[in-house]
Amino acid sequence: MSFKIQRVHVYHAEIEDKPGGVGAKLKALAAAGAHLEYIYSQRSATKPGMGDLFVAPLRSAAELKAAKDSGMTEATEPIVMRLEGDDKAGLSGKLTQAWEMAGINLHGLVMSVLAGKFVGYATFDTAEDGNRAATILAELGTSPAHA
């Protein structure tokens, strides 16, 4: 099996929890030419009427300017890692169990499969945990026991 994991620099903004709250930010990024691969939003647990929006990647100067102009800043936490590779039944269980055995506290995980390939985003509390998780994923991909 072949796996790839890389750090994703995610941008964040608070949004109003109402119709169009997410759309307004995404419209500004689209106008700047952003081709987003990661969009995550949720209501705020601590601020009624507000929510959080996270997006990635932003690459060009125009995209970064549009993000800044719409109140987005680079998020320093949680650490987001993009996972991708060949799919196999039970892979997510093996991977999360390996992370657990290494003492890595998984902050969050979203994975999807299409046409025999998986892509996912894992979030970690620290860069150190993200780096250790990447090493474990690489080992899992090259280990004959998991192939």
N, C-alpha and C. Protein backbone atom coordinates (compact mmCIF):
# COMPACT_ATOMS: atom_id res chain seq x y z
N MET A 1 0.85 -1.18 0.00
CA MET A 1 0.00 0.00 0.00
C MET A 1 0.89 1.24 0.00
N SER A 2 0.35 2.29 -0.55
CA SER A 2 1.09 3.53 -0.61
C SER A 2 0.29 4.63 0.06
N PHE A 3 0.96 5.37 0.94
CA PHE A 3 0.31 6.44 1.69
C PHE A 3 1.12 7.72 1.59
N LYS A 4 0.42 8.83 1.71
CA LYS A 4 1.08 10.12 1.75
C LYS A 4 0.40 10.94 2.84
N ILE A 5 1.19 11.66 3.61
CA ILE A 5 0.65 12.55 4.64
C ILE A 5 1.43 13.84 4.59
N GLN A 6 0.73 14.96 4.66
CA GLN A 6 1.41 16.25 4.64
C GLN A 6 0.66 17.25 5.50
N ARG A 7 1.39 18.17 6.05
CA ARG A 7 0.81 19.24 6.86
C ARG A 7 0.04 20.18 5.95
N VAL A 8 -1.11 20.61 6.41
CA VAL A 8 -1.95 21.54 5.68
C VAL A 8 -2.01 22.84 6.49
N HIS A 9 -1.72 23.94 5.83
CA HIS A 9 -1.84 25.24 6.49
C HIS A 9 -3.28 25.72 6.30
N VAL A 10 -3.99 25.78 7.40
CA VAL A 10 -5.42 26.05 7.40
C VAL A 10 -5.67 27.50 7.84
N TYR A 11 -6.64 28.11 7.20
CA TYR A 11 -7.02 29.48 7.53
C TYR A 11 -8.39 29.46 8.20
N HIS A 12 -8.58 30.37 9.16
CA HIS A 12 -9.77 30.37 10.01
C HIS A 12 -10.41 31.75 10.05
N ALA A 13 -11.72 31.74 10.20
CA ALA A 13 -12.46 32.96 10.48
C ALA A 13 -13.68 32.61 11.32
N GLU A 14 -14.04 33.53 12.19
CA GLU A 14 -15.34 33.41 12.85
C GLU A 14 -16.39 33.85 11.84
N ILE A 15 -17.52 33.19 11.88
CA ILE A 15 -18.62 33.50 10.97
C ILE A 15 -19.91 33.63 11.76
N GLU A 16 -20.85 34.36 11.21
CA GLU A 16 -22.16 34.41 11.83
C GLU A 16 -22.89 33.10 11.54
N ASP A 17 -23.56 32.58 12.56
CA ASP A 17 -24.33 31.35 12.41
C ASP A 17 -25.70 31.69 11.83
N LYS A 18 -25.71 31.90 10.51
CA LYS A 18 -26.94 32.24 9.80
C LYS A 18 -26.75 31.86 8.34
N PRO A 19 -27.83 31.75 7.59
CA PRO A 19 -27.68 31.45 6.16
C PRO A 19 -26.75 32.46 5.49
N GLY A 20 -25.80 31.95 4.76
CA GLY A 20 -24.84 32.81 4.07
C GLY A 20 -23.58 33.12 4.85
N GLY A 21 -23.52 32.70 6.10
CA GLY A 21 -22.33 32.98 6.91
C GLY A 21 -21.08 32.36 6.32
N VAL A 22 -21.17 31.12 5.91
CA VAL A 22 -20.03 30.44 5.26
C VAL A 22 -19.86 30.95 3.84
N GLY A 23 -20.98 31.07 3.13
CA GLY A 23 -20.94 31.45 1.71
C GLY A 23 -20.25 32.76 1.44
N ALA A 24 -20.41 33.73 2.32
CA ALA A 24 -19.79 35.04 2.10
C ALA A 24 -18.27 34.92 2.07
N LYS A 25 -17.71 34.14 2.98
CA LYS A 25 -16.25 33.97 3.01
C LYS A 25 -15.78 33.19 1.79
N LEU A 26 -16.51 32.11 1.45
CA LEU A 26 -16.11 31.28 0.31
C LEU A 26 -16.21 32.05 -1.00
N LYS A 27 -17.19 32.93 -1.11
CA LYS A 27 -17.36 33.72 -2.33
C LYS A 27 -16.14 34.62 -2.54
N ALA A 28 -15.66 35.23 -1.47
CA ALA A 28 -14.48 36.10 -1.58
C ALA A 28 -13.25 35.31 -2.01
N LEU A 29 -13.09 34.11 -1.48
CA LEU A 29 -11.95 33.28 -1.85
C LEU A 29 -12.07 32.80 -3.29
N ALA A 30 -13.28 32.43 -3.71
CA ALA A 30 -13.50 31.98 -5.09
C ALA A 30 -13.19 33.10 -6.07
N ALA A 31 -13.58 34.31 -5.74
CA ALA A 31 -13.32 35.46 -6.61
C ALA A 31 -11.82 35.69 -6.78
N ALA A 32 -11.03 35.27 -5.79
CA ALA A 32 -9.58 35.42 -5.85
C ALA A 32 -8.91 34.23 -6.53
N GLY A 33 -9.73 33.23 -6.93
CA GLY A 33 -9.18 32.07 -7.65
C GLY A 33 -8.84 30.88 -6.79
N ALA A 34 -9.24 30.88 -5.53
CA ALA A 34 -8.91 29.76 -4.63
C ALA A 34 -9.58 28.47 -5.10
N HIS A 35 -8.83 27.40 -5.07
CA HIS A 35 -9.34 26.06 -5.35
C HIS A 35 -9.19 25.28 -4.03
N LEU A 36 -10.22 25.32 -3.21
CA LEU A 36 -10.15 24.76 -1.86
C LEU A 36 -10.33 23.24 -1.88
N GLU A 37 -9.53 22.56 -1.09
CA GLU A 37 -9.63 21.11 -0.93
C GLU A 37 -10.18 20.75 0.45
N TYR A 38 -10.16 21.70 1.36
CA TYR A 38 -10.58 21.47 2.74
C TYR A 38 -11.45 22.62 3.19
N ILE A 39 -12.68 22.32 3.54
CA ILE A 39 -13.61 23.30 4.09
C ILE A 39 -14.29 22.63 5.28
N TYR A 40 -14.18 23.24 6.43
CA TYR A 40 -14.81 22.70 7.63
C TYR A 40 -15.44 23.86 8.40
N SER A 41 -16.70 23.70 8.73
CA SER A 41 -17.34 24.73 9.55
C SER A 41 -18.15 24.07 10.65
N GLN A 42 -18.33 24.82 11.73
CA GLN A 42 -19.13 24.33 12.85
C GLN A 42 -19.62 25.52 13.67
N ARG A 43 -20.71 25.29 14.36
CA ARG A 43 -21.20 26.32 15.28
C ARG A 43 -20.24 26.42 16.46
N SER A 44 -20.16 27.61 17.00
CA SER A 44 -19.33 27.82 18.17
C SER A 44 -20.03 27.25 19.41
N ALA A 45 -19.26 26.53 20.21
CA ALA A 45 -19.80 25.98 21.45
C ALA A 45 -19.84 27.03 22.56
N THR A 46 -19.11 28.14 22.37
CA THR A 46 -18.99 29.14 23.42
C THR A 46 -19.58 30.50 23.07
N LYS A 47 -19.85 30.74 21.79
CA LYS A 47 -20.37 32.04 21.35
C LYS A 47 -21.67 31.85 20.59
N PRO A 48 -22.80 31.98 21.26
CA PRO A 48 -24.09 31.83 20.56
C PRO A 48 -24.18 32.77 19.36
N GLY A 49 -24.71 32.24 18.26
CA GLY A 49 -24.88 33.04 17.06
C GLY A 49 -23.64 33.13 16.19
N MET A 50 -22.57 32.44 16.59
CA MET A 50 -21.32 32.48 15.83
C MET A 50 -20.87 31.06 15.49
N GLY A 51 -19.94 30.97 14.58
CA GLY A 51 -19.36 29.69 14.19
C GLY A 51 -17.93 29.88 13.75
N ASP A 52 -17.32 28.79 13.33
CA ASP A 52 -15.93 28.81 12.88
C ASP A 52 -15.87 28.20 11.49
N LEU A 53 -15.04 28.77 10.64
CA LEU A 53 -14.80 28.26 9.30
C LEU A 53 -13.31 28.05 9.13
N PHE A 54 -12.94 26.88 8.63
CA PHE A 54 -11.55 26.55 8.35
C PHE A 54 -11.45 26.15 6.88
N VAL A 55 -10.44 26.66 6.15
CA VAL A 55 -10.26 26.34 4.74
C VAL A 55 -8.79 26.13 4.42
N ALA A 56 -8.54 25.38 3.34
CA ALA A 56 -7.18 25.17 2.84
C ALA A 56 -7.28 24.58 1.44
N PRO A 57 -6.30 24.69 0.62
CA PRO A 57 -5.13 25.55 0.77
C PRO A 57 -5.39 26.94 0.19
N LEU A 58 -4.60 27.87 0.63
CA LEU A 58 -4.54 29.19 0.01
C LEU A 58 -3.09 29.35 -0.46
N ARG A 59 -2.92 29.64 -1.74
CA ARG A 59 -1.57 29.62 -2.30
C ARG A 59 -1.09 30.97 -2.82
N SER A 60 -1.90 31.61 -3.61
CA SER A 60 -1.42 32.82 -4.28
C SER A 60 -1.56 34.05 -3.39
N ALA A 61 -0.87 35.10 -3.80
CA ALA A 61 -0.96 36.37 -3.06
C ALA A 61 -2.39 36.89 -3.08
N ALA A 62 -3.09 36.71 -4.20
CA ALA A 62 -4.48 37.17 -4.30
C ALA A 62 -5.38 36.41 -3.34
N GLU A 63 -5.17 35.10 -3.22
CA GLU A 63 -5.97 34.29 -2.29
C GLU A 63 -5.70 34.70 -0.84
N LEU A 64 -4.44 34.89 -0.52
CA LEU A 64 -4.08 35.29 0.85
C LEU A 64 -4.62 36.68 1.18
N LYS A 65 -4.60 37.59 0.20
CA LYS A 65 -5.16 38.93 0.41
C LYS A 65 -6.67 38.85 0.62
N ALA A 66 -7.36 38.05 -0.19
CA ALA A 66 -8.81 37.91 -0.04
C ALA A 66 -9.15 37.33 1.33
N ALA A 67 -8.35 36.36 1.77
CA ALA A 67 -8.58 35.77 3.10
C ALA A 67 -8.40 36.83 4.18
N LYS A 68 -7.31 37.57 4.11
CA LYS A 68 -7.04 38.60 5.11
C LYS A 68 -8.14 39.67 5.10
N ASP A 69 -8.53 40.10 3.90
CA ASP A 69 -9.56 41.13 3.78
C ASP A 69 -10.90 40.67 4.33
N SER A 70 -11.14 39.35 4.33
CA SER A 70 -12.42 38.84 4.85
C SER A 70 -12.31 38.36 6.30
N GLY A 71 -11.18 38.70 6.95
CA GLY A 71 -11.03 38.40 8.37
C GLY A 71 -10.46 37.04 8.69
N MET A 72 -9.86 36.38 7.71
CA MET A 72 -9.27 35.06 7.95
C MET A 72 -7.80 35.19 8.32
N THR A 73 -7.37 34.31 9.23
CA THR A 73 -5.96 34.24 9.61
C THR A 73 -5.53 32.78 9.63
N GLU A 74 -4.23 32.56 9.52
CA GLU A 74 -3.74 31.18 9.56
C GLU A 74 -3.94 30.63 10.96
N ALA A 75 -4.53 29.44 11.03
CA ALA A 75 -4.79 28.79 12.31
C ALA A 75 -3.53 28.07 12.77
N THR A 76 -3.15 28.29 14.01
CA THR A 76 -1.97 27.60 14.55
C THR A 76 -2.34 26.30 15.25
N GLU A 77 -3.61 26.14 15.57
CA GLU A 77 -4.08 24.89 16.16
C GLU A 77 -5.53 24.67 15.80
N PRO A 78 -5.98 23.46 15.69
CA PRO A 78 -5.19 22.25 15.77
C PRO A 78 -4.30 22.09 14.54
N ILE A 79 -3.37 21.16 14.64
CA ILE A 79 -2.48 20.82 13.53
C ILE A 79 -3.26 19.92 12.57
N VAL A 80 -3.35 20.29 11.31
CA VAL A 80 -4.11 19.52 10.32
C VAL A 80 -3.16 18.82 9.37
N MET A 81 -3.38 17.53 9.19
CA MET A 81 -2.58 16.72 8.27
C MET A 81 -3.51 16.10 7.24
N ARG A 82 -3.11 16.17 5.95
CA ARG A 82 -3.87 15.56 4.86
C ARG A 82 -3.30 14.17 4.61
N LEU A 83 -4.17 13.16 4.62
CA LEU A 83 -3.78 11.78 4.38
C LEU A 83 -4.34 11.33 3.05
N GLU A 84 -3.60 10.55 2.30
CA GLU A 84 -4.16 9.97 1.08
C GLU A 84 -3.40 8.69 0.76
N GLY A 85 -4.08 7.81 0.02
CA GLY A 85 -3.42 6.58 -0.38
C GLY A 85 -4.38 5.53 -0.87
N ASP A 86 -3.86 4.33 -1.02
CA ASP A 86 -4.65 3.19 -1.47
C ASP A 86 -5.54 2.71 -0.33
N ASP A 87 -6.79 2.42 -0.65
CA ASP A 87 -7.74 1.99 0.37
C ASP A 87 -7.63 0.48 0.59
N LYS A 88 -7.92 0.08 1.81
CA LYS A 88 -7.99 -1.33 2.17
C LYS A 88 -8.94 -1.44 3.36
N ALA A 89 -9.76 -2.48 3.35
CA ALA A 89 -10.72 -2.68 4.45
C ALA A 89 -9.98 -2.70 5.79
N GLY A 90 -10.50 -1.98 6.75
CA GLY A 90 -9.93 -1.95 8.10
C GLY A 90 -8.79 -0.98 8.29
N LEU A 91 -8.43 -0.24 7.24
CA LEU A 91 -7.27 0.65 7.32
C LEU A 91 -7.43 1.72 8.40
N SER A 92 -8.58 2.36 8.46
CA SER A 92 -8.74 3.44 9.45
C SER A 92 -8.62 2.90 10.87
N GLY A 93 -9.13 1.70 11.10
CA GLY A 93 -9.01 1.08 12.42
C GLY A 93 -7.56 0.77 12.77
N LYS A 94 -6.81 0.22 11.81
CA LYS A 94 -5.39 -0.09 12.04
C LYS A 94 -4.60 1.19 12.31
N LEU A 95 -4.90 2.21 11.52
CA LEU A 95 -4.17 3.46 11.67
C LEU A 95 -4.45 4.13 13.00
N THR A 96 -5.71 4.27 13.36
CA THR A 96 -6.03 4.94 14.61
C THR A 96 -5.57 4.13 15.82
N GLN A 97 -5.58 2.80 15.69
CA GLN A 97 -5.07 1.96 16.78
C GLN A 97 -3.56 2.14 16.93
N ALA A 98 -2.85 2.24 15.82
CA ALA A 98 -1.40 2.46 15.89
C ALA A 98 -1.09 3.80 16.53
N TRP A 99 -1.88 4.82 16.20
CA TRP A 99 -1.68 6.12 16.82
C TRP A 99 -1.97 6.05 18.32
N GLU A 100 -3.03 5.33 18.68
CA GLU A 100 -3.38 5.17 20.10
C GLU A 100 -2.24 4.48 20.84
N MET A 101 -1.70 3.41 20.26
CA MET A 101 -0.62 2.65 20.91
C MET A 101 0.62 3.53 21.11
N ALA A 102 0.80 4.51 20.24
CA ALA A 102 1.93 5.43 20.35
C ALA A 102 1.64 6.58 21.30
N GLY A 103 0.44 6.61 21.87
CA GLY A 103 0.09 7.66 22.82
C GLY A 103 -0.29 8.98 22.17
N ILE A 104 -0.68 8.94 20.89
CA ILE A 104 -1.05 10.15 20.17
C ILE A 104 -2.54 10.40 20.37
N ASN A 105 -2.88 11.58 20.88
CA ASN A 105 -4.27 11.95 21.08
C ASN A 105 -4.80 12.58 19.81
N LEU A 106 -5.70 11.88 19.15
CA LEU A 106 -6.28 12.36 17.91
C LEU A 106 -7.33 13.41 18.22
N HIS A 107 -7.17 14.59 17.68
CA HIS A 107 -8.10 15.70 17.90
C HIS A 107 -9.36 15.51 17.06
N GLY A 108 -9.20 15.06 15.81
CA GLY A 108 -10.33 14.83 14.92
C GLY A 108 -9.89 14.08 13.69
N LEU A 109 -10.85 13.45 12.99
CA LEU A 109 -10.53 12.67 11.80
C LEU A 109 -11.73 12.63 10.87
N VAL A 110 -11.50 12.92 9.60
CA VAL A 110 -12.49 12.78 8.54
C VAL A 110 -11.81 12.04 7.40
N MET A 111 -12.40 10.91 6.96
CA MET A 111 -11.83 10.16 5.85
C MET A 111 -12.93 9.75 4.89
N SER A 112 -12.60 9.74 3.60
CA SER A 112 -13.53 9.31 2.56
C SER A 112 -12.80 8.43 1.57
N VAL A 113 -13.56 7.55 0.91
CA VAL A 113 -12.99 6.63 -0.08
C VAL A 113 -13.74 6.82 -1.39
N LEU A 114 -12.97 6.82 -2.49
CA LEU A 114 -13.54 6.89 -3.82
C LEU A 114 -12.61 6.16 -4.78
N ALA A 115 -13.17 5.22 -5.52
CA ALA A 115 -12.43 4.50 -6.56
C ALA A 115 -11.13 3.88 -6.04
N GLY A 116 -11.19 3.25 -4.87
CA GLY A 116 -10.03 2.54 -4.35
C GLY A 116 -8.97 3.40 -3.68
N LYS A 117 -9.22 4.68 -3.56
CA LYS A 117 -8.28 5.59 -2.90
C LYS A 117 -8.98 6.27 -1.73
N PHE A 118 -8.22 6.60 -0.70
CA PHE A 118 -8.80 7.35 0.41
C PHE A 118 -8.12 8.70 0.50
N VAL A 119 -8.86 9.65 1.02
CA VAL A 119 -8.31 10.95 1.37
C VAL A 119 -8.96 11.33 2.69
N GLY A 120 -8.18 11.92 3.54
CA GLY A 120 -8.71 12.31 4.84
C GLY A 120 -7.91 13.44 5.43
N TYR A 121 -8.47 13.97 6.49
CA TYR A 121 -7.82 15.03 7.24
C TYR A 121 -7.85 14.64 8.71
N ALA A 122 -6.68 14.60 9.32
CA ALA A 122 -6.56 14.30 10.74
C ALA A 122 -6.05 15.55 11.44
N THR A 123 -6.60 15.82 12.61
CA THR A 123 -6.14 16.97 13.37
C THR A 123 -5.53 16.49 14.69
N PHE A 124 -4.46 17.16 15.07
CA PHE A 124 -3.70 16.80 16.26
C PHE A 124 -3.49 18.04 17.12
N ASP A 125 -3.26 17.82 18.39
CA ASP A 125 -3.07 18.92 19.34
C ASP A 125 -1.72 19.62 19.18
N THR A 126 -0.71 18.87 18.72
CA THR A 126 0.63 19.45 18.60
C THR A 126 1.28 19.03 17.29
N ALA A 127 2.25 19.82 16.83
CA ALA A 127 3.01 19.47 15.63
C ALA A 127 3.78 18.18 15.87
N GLU A 128 4.26 17.98 17.09
CA GLU A 128 4.99 16.75 17.42
C GLU A 128 4.10 15.52 17.21
N ASP A 129 2.85 15.59 17.67
CA ASP A 129 1.93 14.47 17.46
C ASP A 129 1.66 14.26 15.97
N GLY A 130 1.51 15.33 15.22
CA GLY A 130 1.29 15.21 13.78
C GLY A 130 2.47 14.57 13.08
N ASN A 131 3.69 14.94 13.47
CA ASN A 131 4.89 14.35 12.88
C ASN A 131 5.02 12.87 13.24
N ARG A 132 4.72 12.54 14.48
CA ARG A 132 4.78 11.12 14.90
C ARG A 132 3.72 10.32 14.15
N ALA A 133 2.53 10.90 13.96
CA ALA A 133 1.46 10.23 13.23
C ALA A 133 1.87 9.98 11.79
N ALA A 134 2.57 10.93 11.18
CA ALA A 134 3.05 10.77 9.80
C ALA A 134 4.03 9.61 9.70
N THR A 135 4.93 9.51 10.66
CA THR A 135 5.90 8.42 10.67
C THR A 135 5.19 7.07 10.78
N ILE A 136 4.19 6.99 11.64
CA ILE A 136 3.45 5.74 11.82
C ILE A 136 2.70 5.38 10.54
N LEU A 137 2.10 6.36 9.88
CA LEU A 137 1.40 6.09 8.62
C LEU A 137 2.38 5.57 7.57
N ALA A 138 3.55 6.17 7.50
CA ALA A 138 4.55 5.71 6.54
C ALA A 138 4.98 4.27 6.84
N GLU A 139 5.19 3.97 8.12
CA GLU A 139 5.56 2.61 8.51
C GLU A 139 4.45 1.62 8.20
N LEU A 140 3.22 2.03 8.42
CA LEU A 140 2.07 1.17 8.13
C LEU A 140 1.99 0.87 6.64
N GLY A 141 2.31 1.86 5.81
CA GLY A 141 2.26 1.68 4.37
C GLY A 141 3.33 0.79 3.82
N THR A 142 4.46 0.65 4.53
CA THR A 142 5.56 -0.18 4.03
C THR A 142 5.68 -1.52 4.76
N SER A 143 4.88 -1.72 5.80
CA SER A 143 4.95 -2.95 6.58
C SER A 143 4.22 -4.10 5.86
N PRO A 144 4.90 -5.25 5.66
CA PRO A 144 4.23 -6.38 5.01
C PRO A 144 3.04 -6.88 5.82
N ALA A 145 3.05 -6.69 7.13
CA ALA A 145 1.95 -7.15 7.97
C ALA A 145 0.66 -6.40 7.67
N HIS A 146 0.78 -5.20 7.12
CA HIS A 146 -0.40 -4.38 6.87
C HIS A 146 -0.74 -4.28 5.38
N ALA A 147 0.08 -4.85 4.55
CA ALA A 147 -0.15 -4.73 3.09
C ALA A 147 -1.31 -5.58 2.64
